[in-house]
Amino acid sequence: MNVISELFSPPYYAVIFTSIKNEDTHGYMEMAVKMEQLARSQEGYLGMDSAREKTGITVSYWSNLNAIKRWKTNAEHLIAQSKGKHFWYESYSVRIAKVEREYHHF
């Protein structure tokens, strides 16, 4: 069974990272695991959902905009962003959205 991130109480924020990887992704998986572990340790982090086929989509959930800003400027995350931009991604986009309501079926 696929796992959907745990439930949160709105409002909260979602950072939606959509990407298409290049052919050469040497070191990508190791960095992705490291970034997920690092994100989990950040104040304001709530959870994450991710899916990858040709297009990858990772949605991370945060309690507030300041937490997102701190994550974006985290020194280790800046290194990963640079490597992604220069080596791993053909293209990507980042969207930040406020979640005001949610509902589920499990």
Protein backbone atom coordinates (compact mmCIF):
# COMPACT_ATOMS: atom_id res chain seq x y z
CA MET A 1 0.00 0.00 0.00
CA ASN A 2 1.26 3.48 -0.81
CA VAL A 3 1.65 5.81 2.13
CA ILE A 4 0.10 9.27 2.19
CA SER A 5 1.58 11.76 4.59
CA GLU A 6 -0.11 11.97 7.98
CA LEU A 7 -2.98 14.38 8.52
CA PHE A 8 -2.33 17.96 9.53
CA SER A 9 -4.66 20.64 10.86
CA PRO A 10 -5.10 23.47 8.34
CA PRO A 11 -3.98 26.06 7.76
CA TYR A 12 -0.46 25.03 6.82
CA TYR A 13 1.75 25.43 3.74
CA ALA A 14 2.75 23.10 0.93
CA VAL A 15 5.92 23.46 -1.12
CA ILE A 16 5.32 21.70 -4.44
CA PHE A 17 8.55 20.77 -6.23
CA THR A 18 8.01 19.45 -9.76
CA SER A 19 11.02 18.27 -11.77
CA ILE A 20 12.27 16.47 -14.83
CA LYS A 21 15.66 14.83 -14.28
CA ASN A 22 18.57 14.74 -16.72
CA GLU A 23 20.02 11.45 -17.92
CA ASP A 24 23.05 11.61 -15.60
CA THR A 25 21.86 11.57 -12.01
CA HIS A 26 25.03 10.30 -10.30
CA GLY A 27 24.73 11.11 -6.59
CA TYR A 28 21.09 12.19 -6.84
CA MET A 29 19.50 9.45 -4.73
CA GLU A 30 22.01 9.84 -1.93
CA MET A 31 21.38 13.59 -1.83
CA ALA A 32 17.60 13.10 -1.95
CA VAL A 33 17.73 10.80 1.09
CA LYS A 34 20.02 13.23 2.93
CA MET A 35 17.70 16.19 2.16
CA GLU A 36 14.62 14.32 3.35
CA GLN A 37 16.37 13.46 6.62
CA LEU A 38 17.56 17.07 7.01
CA ALA A 39 14.10 18.48 6.25
CA ARG A 40 12.58 16.25 8.94
CA SER A 41 14.85 17.89 11.51
CA GLN A 42 13.82 21.45 10.60
CA GLU A 43 11.54 23.47 12.85
CA GLY A 44 8.12 23.79 11.25
CA TYR A 45 8.44 20.68 9.05
CA LEU A 46 5.24 18.60 9.01
CA GLY A 47 5.73 15.87 6.39
CA MET A 48 6.27 14.95 2.76
CA ASP A 49 4.67 13.10 -0.16
CA SER A 50 6.57 12.20 -3.33
CA ALA A 51 5.98 10.45 -6.67
CA ARG A 52 8.29 9.95 -9.64
CA GLU A 53 7.81 8.74 -13.16
CA LYS A 54 9.13 10.91 -16.01
CA THR A 55 8.02 13.93 -13.99
CA GLY A 56 8.81 13.96 -10.27
CA ILE A 57 6.60 15.70 -7.75
CA THR A 58 7.54 16.18 -4.13
CA VAL A 59 5.25 18.06 -1.78
CA SER A 60 6.62 19.06 1.59
CA TYR A 61 4.36 20.45 4.29
CA TRP A 62 5.30 23.27 6.65
CA SER A 63 3.64 25.02 9.56
CA ASN A 64 4.48 28.56 8.37
CA LEU A 65 6.22 30.64 5.72
CA ASN A 66 9.22 31.40 7.95
CA ALA A 67 9.95 27.67 8.23
CA ILE A 68 9.92 27.40 4.43
CA LYS A 69 12.27 30.37 4.13
CA ARG A 70 14.69 28.83 6.66
CA TRP A 71 14.61 25.54 4.74
CA LYS A 72 15.28 27.27 1.40
CA THR A 73 18.33 29.04 2.87
CA ASN A 74 19.69 26.06 4.88
CA ALA A 75 23.39 25.73 3.97
CA GLU A 76 23.24 22.01 3.11
CA HIS A 77 20.02 22.50 1.17
CA LEU A 78 21.66 25.32 -0.83
CA ILE A 79 24.35 22.85 -1.93
CA ALA A 80 21.69 20.35 -3.04
CA GLN A 81 19.80 23.10 -4.89
CA SER A 82 22.94 24.10 -6.76
CA LYS A 83 23.74 20.51 -7.76
CA GLY A 84 20.16 20.01 -8.89
CA LYS A 85 20.21 23.16 -11.00
CA HIS A 86 23.59 22.42 -12.60
CA PHE A 87 23.60 18.62 -12.87
CA TRP A 88 20.43 16.68 -12.09
CA TYR A 89 17.43 18.60 -13.43
CA GLU A 90 16.49 19.35 -17.00
CA SER A 91 13.82 21.63 -15.54
CA TYR A 92 11.96 22.23 -12.29
CA SER A 93 9.43 24.50 -10.66
CA VAL A 94 8.63 25.35 -7.06
CA ARG A 95 5.19 26.46 -5.94
CA ILE A 96 4.20 27.46 -2.44
CA ALA A 97 0.55 27.19 -1.46
CA LYS A 98 -1.47 27.74 1.68
CA VAL A 99 -3.65 24.74 2.53
CA GLU A 100 -6.88 25.97 4.04
CA ARG A 101 -8.92 22.77 3.87
CA GLU A 102 -8.32 19.06 3.36
CA TYR A 103 -10.28 15.83 3.30
CA HIS A 104 -9.33 12.17 2.91
CA HIS A 105 -10.40 8.66 2.04
CA PHE A 106 -8.34 5.75 3.40
